[in-house]
Amino acid sequence: MSMREVFEKNPDRRYIMFGGKGGLGKTTFSAAAAYWLAKQGYKVLVFSVDPQASLSDIFKRDIFGKGAVEIMQNLYAQEIDADQRIHEYQEEIRQKIRDMYGMEEIPEEIENYIQAAAAEPAMEESAIFDEVVDIVVGGKYDYYIYDLVPLGHALYYLSMASVYDQWIDKITALRTEMEEYAQVAAVMQRDKESEEDQILKELQYIKTRINTSSGILTDKQKTAFFFVVTPEEMIILDTKKAAGLFAKFDVPLSGYIVNRVIPEELRGGNIPEYLRNRMEMQKKYLAEIDQVFGGEVLARIPEFERDITGLPMIERMAEVMFGGVQ
């Protein structure tokens, strides 16, 4: 099956992800797939969850932190600014404290805690995850294409939904148990919503958002995940391991794309020994890829003579991936 057939035979798969080790071409394929789908008349958003995003470089547009930017008709791109999201978090927390406790000013010790929490190592990933939830539950686009972070971080990102879910379940259960004791002791006023009840509602709201997002990521009817691999020994080994790990999160794997294949037509003639050796090495690993991944290999993408940046080069890539853009 080809890339075009995967999309044509599975029209309900509207959440598309390209994953793999860093530097293999995930961003390029994300941009090319978005371009091709936009040319088919679909409204498409391609967005990066990588703090070191490169969609701006691919499209030759400054889009970082600017929300969804229109690249061309039907095609929008977005790079998430985690720092901006964290600042928004901080202000949301301050406002909730003001509303909940009737404060005009945030006490210094609480402000210090808010500032310290924002510097936690996981805060950036949490901010990105929350922004992704906002994007995918918005329902403004026909297709959502995730430009995922490298594999190790992607696994963390995919696991965050279940981690958050379990944590909120525990907090909710504890709060419910506390409420039962309070009712028995007649401590709480029945005609007045307590501060804890407001917190509980907030947790349940977060839980609903997370479940919606994680449900999309593991929905075989709605989601397609493509691994990007190159004909190199370590890349093949890492991809095999990663595919097994992703399976544990029930991420629906749709196939593999082999990138940076040296064109066979270069084999003839008087070519440099270095290039001849590279081609022989690739021939060996391409055979291994076919053996390991078999019919799940959807495309072999040749090494291009220049970087894939700007719409004309993105169109060329889309033509190779999908066999034309019309």
Protein backbone atom coordinates (compact mmCIF):
# COMPACT_ATOMS: atom_id res chain seq x y z
CA MET A 1 0.00 0.00 0.00
CA SER A 2 1.17 3.53 -0.78
CA MET A 3 0.87 6.72 1.27
CA ARG A 4 -1.89 7.94 -1.02
CA GLU A 5 -3.85 4.71 -0.56
CA VAL A 6 -3.54 4.88 3.23
CA PHE A 7 -5.24 8.29 3.20
CA GLU A 8 -7.79 7.47 0.51
CA LYS A 9 -8.86 4.18 2.10
CA ASN A 10 -9.03 5.61 5.63
CA PRO A 11 -10.83 8.96 5.27
CA ASP A 12 -11.69 9.10 8.98
CA ARG A 13 -8.04 9.17 10.03
CA ARG A 14 -7.76 12.89 10.57
CA TYR A 15 -5.00 12.96 13.21
CA ILE A 16 -1.66 12.30 11.55
CA MET A 17 1.70 11.83 13.29
CA PHE A 18 5.22 11.35 11.96
CA GLY A 19 7.70 10.00 14.50
CA GLY A 20 11.28 8.85 14.65
CA LYS A 21 14.70 9.84 15.89
CA GLY A 22 15.77 13.45 15.55
CA GLY A 23 17.03 14.64 12.19
CA LEU A 24 15.36 11.99 10.01
CA GLY A 25 12.88 14.27 8.25
CA LYS A 26 9.73 14.19 10.40
CA THR A 27 9.11 17.92 10.02
CA THR A 28 9.61 17.72 6.27
CA PHE A 29 7.10 14.89 5.92
CA SER A 30 4.64 16.66 8.20
CA ALA A 31 4.81 19.77 6.02
CA ALA A 32 4.57 17.79 2.75
CA ALA A 33 1.59 15.75 3.96
CA ALA A 34 -0.15 18.95 5.08
CA TYR A 35 0.56 20.52 1.69
CA TRP A 36 -0.83 17.53 -0.21
CA LEU A 37 -4.00 17.35 1.89
CA ALA A 38 -4.55 21.10 1.52
CA LYS A 39 -4.28 20.69 -2.25
CA GLN A 40 -7.02 18.05 -2.04
CA GLY A 41 -9.30 20.73 -0.61
CA TYR A 42 -9.04 19.89 3.10
CA LYS A 43 -8.45 22.47 5.80
CA VAL A 44 -5.24 21.33 7.49
CA LEU A 45 -3.27 22.37 10.56
CA VAL A 46 0.31 21.15 10.94
CA PHE A 47 1.75 21.93 14.35
CA SER A 48 4.94 21.21 16.19
CA VAL A 49 5.19 19.87 19.73
CA ASP A 50 8.98 20.16 19.63
CA PRO A 51 10.40 23.04 21.73
CA GLN A 52 13.14 23.30 19.08
CA ALA A 53 10.59 23.60 16.30
CA SER A 54 11.58 23.98 12.66
CA LEU A 55 8.30 24.54 10.84
CA SER A 56 9.32 28.19 10.55
CA ASP A 57 12.43 27.08 8.67
CA ILE A 58 10.52 24.63 6.46
CA PHE A 59 7.88 27.17 5.41
CA LYS A 60 10.28 30.15 5.49
CA ARG A 61 7.81 31.99 7.72
CA ASP A 62 8.11 33.33 11.27
CA ILE A 63 5.29 31.42 12.95
CA PHE A 64 6.71 30.63 16.42
CA GLY A 65 4.27 31.54 19.17
CA LYS A 66 1.86 33.28 16.77
CA GLY A 67 -0.94 30.72 16.87
CA ALA A 68 -2.20 29.13 13.65
CA VAL A 69 -0.64 31.00 10.72
CA GLU A 70 -2.09 30.66 7.21
CA ILE A 71 0.64 29.43 4.86
CA MET A 72 -1.55 29.10 1.77
CA GLN A 73 -5.17 28.27 1.00
CA ASN A 74 -6.37 25.51 3.40
CA LEU A 75 -2.94 25.12 5.02
CA TYR A 76 -2.12 26.47 8.49
CA ALA A 77 0.99 25.95 10.61
CA GLN A 78 1.63 26.49 14.31
CA GLU A 79 4.66 26.30 16.57
CA ILE A 80 3.81 26.16 20.26
CA ASP A 81 5.59 28.62 22.54
CA ALA A 82 5.86 26.73 25.84
CA ASP A 83 7.14 29.78 27.76
CA GLN A 84 4.13 31.83 26.68
CA ARG A 85 1.83 29.01 27.79
CA ILE A 86 3.58 28.79 31.18
CA HIS A 87 3.09 32.54 31.73
CA GLU A 88 -0.59 32.06 30.93
CA TYR A 89 -0.70 29.21 33.48
CA GLN A 90 0.75 31.44 36.14
CA GLU A 91 -1.80 34.17 35.57
CA GLU A 92 -4.65 31.63 35.50
CA ILE A 93 -3.50 30.30 38.88
CA ARG A 94 -3.27 33.81 40.33
CA GLN A 95 -6.77 34.64 39.11
CA LYS A 96 -8.24 31.41 40.49
CA ILE A 97 -6.70 32.20 43.89
CA ARG A 98 -8.13 35.73 43.77
CA ASP A 99 -11.58 34.44 42.83
CA MET A 100 -11.60 31.50 45.21
CA TYR A 101 -10.31 33.29 48.30
CA GLY A 102 -11.44 36.86 47.58
CA MET A 103 -7.88 38.19 47.51
CA GLU A 104 -6.84 41.37 45.75
CA GLU A 105 -3.12 40.65 46.03
CA ILE A 106 -1.35 37.30 45.89
CA PRO A 107 0.64 36.69 49.11
CA GLU A 108 4.40 36.70 48.60
CA GLU A 109 4.88 33.08 49.69
CA ILE A 110 2.24 31.90 47.19
CA GLU A 111 3.75 34.01 44.41
CA ASN A 112 7.15 32.51 45.16
CA TYR A 113 5.64 29.03 44.87
CA ILE A 114 4.00 29.90 41.53
CA GLN A 115 7.33 31.15 40.19
CA ALA A 116 9.20 28.08 41.46
CA ALA A 117 6.64 25.66 39.99
CA ALA A 118 7.06 27.26 36.56
CA ALA A 119 10.76 26.34 36.63
CA GLU A 120 10.09 22.62 37.17
CA PRO A 121 11.73 20.43 34.46
CA ALA A 122 8.40 18.88 33.40
CA MET A 123 6.56 22.20 33.14
CA GLU A 124 7.56 22.78 29.51
CA GLU A 125 6.21 19.38 28.43
CA SER A 126 3.05 19.96 30.46
CA ALA A 127 2.50 23.34 28.82
CA ILE A 128 2.95 21.86 25.34
CA PHE A 129 0.63 18.98 26.15
CA ASP A 130 -2.06 21.34 27.38
CA GLU A 131 -1.75 23.49 24.26
CA VAL A 132 -2.12 20.37 22.10
CA VAL A 133 -5.32 19.50 23.96
CA ASP A 134 -6.68 22.96 23.17
CA ILE A 135 -5.78 22.52 19.51
CA VAL A 136 -7.25 19.07 18.92
CA VAL A 137 -10.47 19.58 20.90
CA GLY A 138 -11.12 22.81 19.01
CA GLY A 139 -12.32 20.91 15.93
CA LYS A 140 -11.57 23.75 13.50
CA TYR A 141 -9.72 21.66 10.92
CA ASP A 142 -10.29 18.60 8.75
CA TYR A 143 -6.79 17.25 9.45
CA TYR A 144 -4.38 17.74 12.34
CA ILE A 145 -0.76 16.82 11.62
CA TYR A 146 1.56 16.49 14.61
CA ASP A 147 5.25 17.19 14.06
CA LEU A 148 6.39 15.08 17.00
CA VAL A 149 9.49 15.49 19.11
CA PRO A 150 12.23 12.81 18.86
CA LEU A 151 11.26 9.35 20.05
CA GLY A 152 12.27 9.50 23.70
CA HIS A 153 10.35 12.71 24.30
CA ALA A 154 7.45 11.52 22.16
CA LEU A 155 7.02 8.49 24.41
CA TYR A 156 6.95 10.81 27.40
CA TYR A 157 4.40 13.01 25.66
CA LEU A 158 2.19 10.03 24.81
CA SER A 159 2.39 8.70 28.36
CA MET A 160 1.44 12.02 29.95
CA ALA A 161 -2.25 11.43 29.34
CA SER A 162 -2.29 8.23 31.39
CA VAL A 163 -0.07 9.76 34.10
CA TYR A 164 -2.32 12.81 34.44
CA ASP A 165 -5.40 10.63 34.33
CA GLN A 166 -4.21 8.38 37.17
CA TRP A 167 -3.14 11.35 39.27
CA ILE A 168 -6.47 13.12 38.90
CA ASP A 169 -8.34 9.88 39.66
CA LYS A 170 -6.45 9.60 42.97
CA ILE A 171 -7.03 13.25 43.89
CA THR A 172 -10.72 12.98 42.98
CA ALA A 173 -11.16 9.79 45.00
CA LEU A 174 -9.43 11.37 48.00
CA ARG A 175 -11.59 14.49 47.74
CA THR A 176 -14.76 12.36 47.53
CA GLU A 177 -13.70 10.41 50.61
CA MET A 178 -13.02 13.64 52.50
CA GLU A 179 -16.44 14.95 51.55
CA GLU A 180 -18.11 11.83 52.91
CA TYR A 181 -16.37 12.30 56.26
CA ALA A 182 -17.30 15.96 56.25
CA GLN A 183 -20.95 15.19 55.65
CA VAL A 184 -20.99 12.71 58.50
CA ALA A 185 -19.40 15.26 60.77
CA ALA A 186 -21.79 17.94 59.50
CA VAL A 187 -18.83 20.25 58.99
CA MET A 188 -19.67 21.44 55.49
CA GLN A 189 -22.61 23.69 54.76
CA ARG A 190 -24.99 22.00 52.34
CA ASP A 191 -26.20 25.24 50.79
CA LYS A 192 -22.77 26.60 49.94
CA GLU A 193 -20.23 25.26 47.52
CA SER A 194 -16.92 24.80 49.30
CA GLU A 195 -13.51 25.78 48.02
CA GLU A 196 -12.67 22.08 47.74
CA ASP A 197 -15.70 21.50 45.52
CA GLN A 198 -14.47 24.20 43.16
CA ILE A 199 -11.07 22.49 43.06
CA LEU A 200 -12.73 19.14 42.41
CA LYS A 201 -14.68 20.59 39.49
CA GLU A 202 -11.46 22.01 38.07
CA LEU A 203 -9.78 18.59 38.31
CA GLN A 204 -12.71 16.89 36.61
CA TYR A 205 -12.59 19.47 33.82
CA ILE A 206 -8.88 18.76 33.29
CA LYS A 207 -9.55 15.02 33.32
CA THR A 208 -12.21 15.37 30.59
CA ARG A 209 -9.82 17.35 28.38
CA ILE A 210 -7.02 14.84 28.84
CA ASN A 211 -9.28 11.87 28.13
CA THR A 212 -10.48 13.54 24.94
CA SER A 213 -6.92 14.11 23.74
CA SER A 214 -5.54 10.71 24.75
CA GLY A 215 -8.59 9.03 23.22
CA ILE A 216 -7.69 10.58 19.88
CA LEU A 217 -4.07 9.44 20.09
CA THR A 218 -5.05 5.79 20.52
CA ASP A 219 -8.09 5.72 18.21
CA LYS A 220 -7.32 3.41 15.29
CA GLN A 221 -10.21 4.85 13.30
CA LYS A 222 -9.13 8.49 13.69
CA THR A 223 -5.35 8.38 14.01
CA ALA A 224 -2.47 7.39 11.74
CA PHE A 225 1.11 7.17 13.00
CA PHE A 226 4.03 6.86 10.57
CA PHE A 227 7.58 6.00 11.58
CA VAL A 228 10.40 7.66 9.65
CA VAL A 229 13.47 5.47 9.17
CA THR A 230 16.70 5.74 7.16
CA PRO A 231 18.81 2.85 5.80
CA GLU A 232 21.29 2.84 8.68
CA GLU A 233 21.92 0.09 11.22
CA MET A 234 21.36 2.06 14.43
CA ILE A 235 18.29 3.82 13.06
CA ILE A 236 16.70 0.48 12.16
CA LEU A 237 17.44 -0.95 15.60
CA ASP A 238 16.12 2.13 17.40
CA THR A 239 12.97 2.15 15.27
CA LYS A 240 12.24 -1.52 16.04
CA LYS A 241 12.53 -0.80 19.78
CA ALA A 242 10.43 2.34 19.54
CA ALA A 243 7.68 0.57 17.59
CA GLY A 244 7.40 -1.94 20.42
CA LEU A 245 7.22 0.81 23.04
CA PHE A 246 4.60 2.76 21.10
CA ALA A 247 2.51 -0.41 20.84
CA LYS A 248 2.33 -0.45 24.65
CA PHE A 249 0.47 2.86 24.48
CA ASP A 250 -1.86 1.44 21.80
CA VAL A 251 -0.74 4.03 19.26
CA PRO A 252 -2.10 2.86 15.87
CA LEU A 253 0.89 2.30 13.57
CA SER A 254 0.05 2.90 9.90
CA GLY A 255 3.43 2.23 8.32
CA TYR A 256 7.03 3.24 7.74
CA ILE A 257 8.60 5.81 5.41
CA VAL A 258 12.19 5.24 4.35
CA ASN A 259 13.99 8.54 3.85
CA ARG A 260 17.25 9.66 2.22
CA VAL A 261 17.66 6.79 -0.22
CA ILE A 262 20.44 7.52 -2.70
CA PRO A 263 18.85 7.36 -6.20
CA GLU A 264 19.68 4.12 -8.01
CA GLU A 265 20.35 5.94 -11.29
CA LEU A 266 23.56 7.31 -9.75
CA ARG A 267 25.02 3.79 -9.67
CA GLY A 268 26.08 3.80 -13.30
CA GLY A 269 29.05 5.70 -14.61
CA ASN A 270 32.23 6.85 -12.96
CA ILE A 271 31.04 7.74 -9.46
CA PRO A 272 33.32 8.42 -6.47
CA GLU A 273 34.26 5.39 -4.38
CA TYR A 274 32.73 7.02 -1.31
CA LEU A 275 29.34 7.25 -3.02
CA ARG A 276 29.61 3.69 -4.35
CA ASN A 277 30.31 2.39 -0.84
CA ARG A 278 27.40 4.39 0.57
CA MET A 279 25.06 2.92 -2.03
CA GLU A 280 26.22 -0.63 -1.25
CA MET A 281 25.69 -0.01 2.43
CA GLN A 282 22.21 1.37 1.77
CA LYS A 283 21.36 -1.61 -0.44
CA LYS A 284 22.13 -3.93 2.48
CA TYR A 285 20.04 -1.95 4.97
CA LEU A 286 17.16 -1.40 2.55
CA ALA A 287 16.92 -5.19 2.24
CA GLU A 288 16.92 -5.42 6.03
CA ILE A 289 14.17 -2.80 6.27
CA ASP A 290 12.06 -4.81 3.81
CA GLN A 291 12.68 -7.95 5.83
CA VAL A 292 11.92 -6.38 9.22
CA PHE A 293 9.01 -4.09 8.30
CA GLY A 294 7.79 -5.88 5.16
CA GLY A 295 4.56 -4.65 3.63
CA GLU A 296 4.32 -1.83 6.16
CA VAL A 297 6.91 0.17 4.18
CA LEU A 298 4.81 2.74 2.33
CA ALA A 299 7.39 4.84 0.53
CA ARG A 300 11.09 5.19 -0.25
CA ILE A 301 12.04 8.84 -0.46
CA PRO A 302 15.21 9.73 -2.38
CA GLU A 303 17.94 12.00 -1.10
CA PHE A 304 17.22 15.46 -2.54
CA GLU A 305 19.93 17.67 -3.96
CA ARG A 306 18.93 20.57 -1.68
CA ASP A 307 17.13 21.29 1.58
CA ILE A 308 13.35 20.97 1.64
CA THR A 309 12.42 24.56 2.47
CA GLY A 310 9.85 26.80 0.84
CA LEU A 311 6.61 25.77 -0.88
CA PRO A 312 8.17 24.74 -4.25
CA MET A 313 10.44 22.17 -2.54
CA ILE A 314 7.64 21.05 -0.22
CA GLU A 315 5.52 20.44 -3.33
CA ARG A 316 8.30 18.30 -4.82
CA MET A 317 8.43 16.24 -1.63
CA ALA A 318 4.65 15.85 -1.62
CA GLU A 319 4.75 14.61 -5.22
CA VAL A 320 7.28 11.95 -4.29
CA MET A 321 5.37 10.91 -1.16
CA PHE A 322 1.91 10.81 -2.74
CA GLY A 323 2.49 10.54 -6.48
CA GLY A 324 1.31 14.04 -7.37
CA VAL A 325 -0.51 16.83 -5.56
CA GLN A 326 -3.66 17.18 -7.68
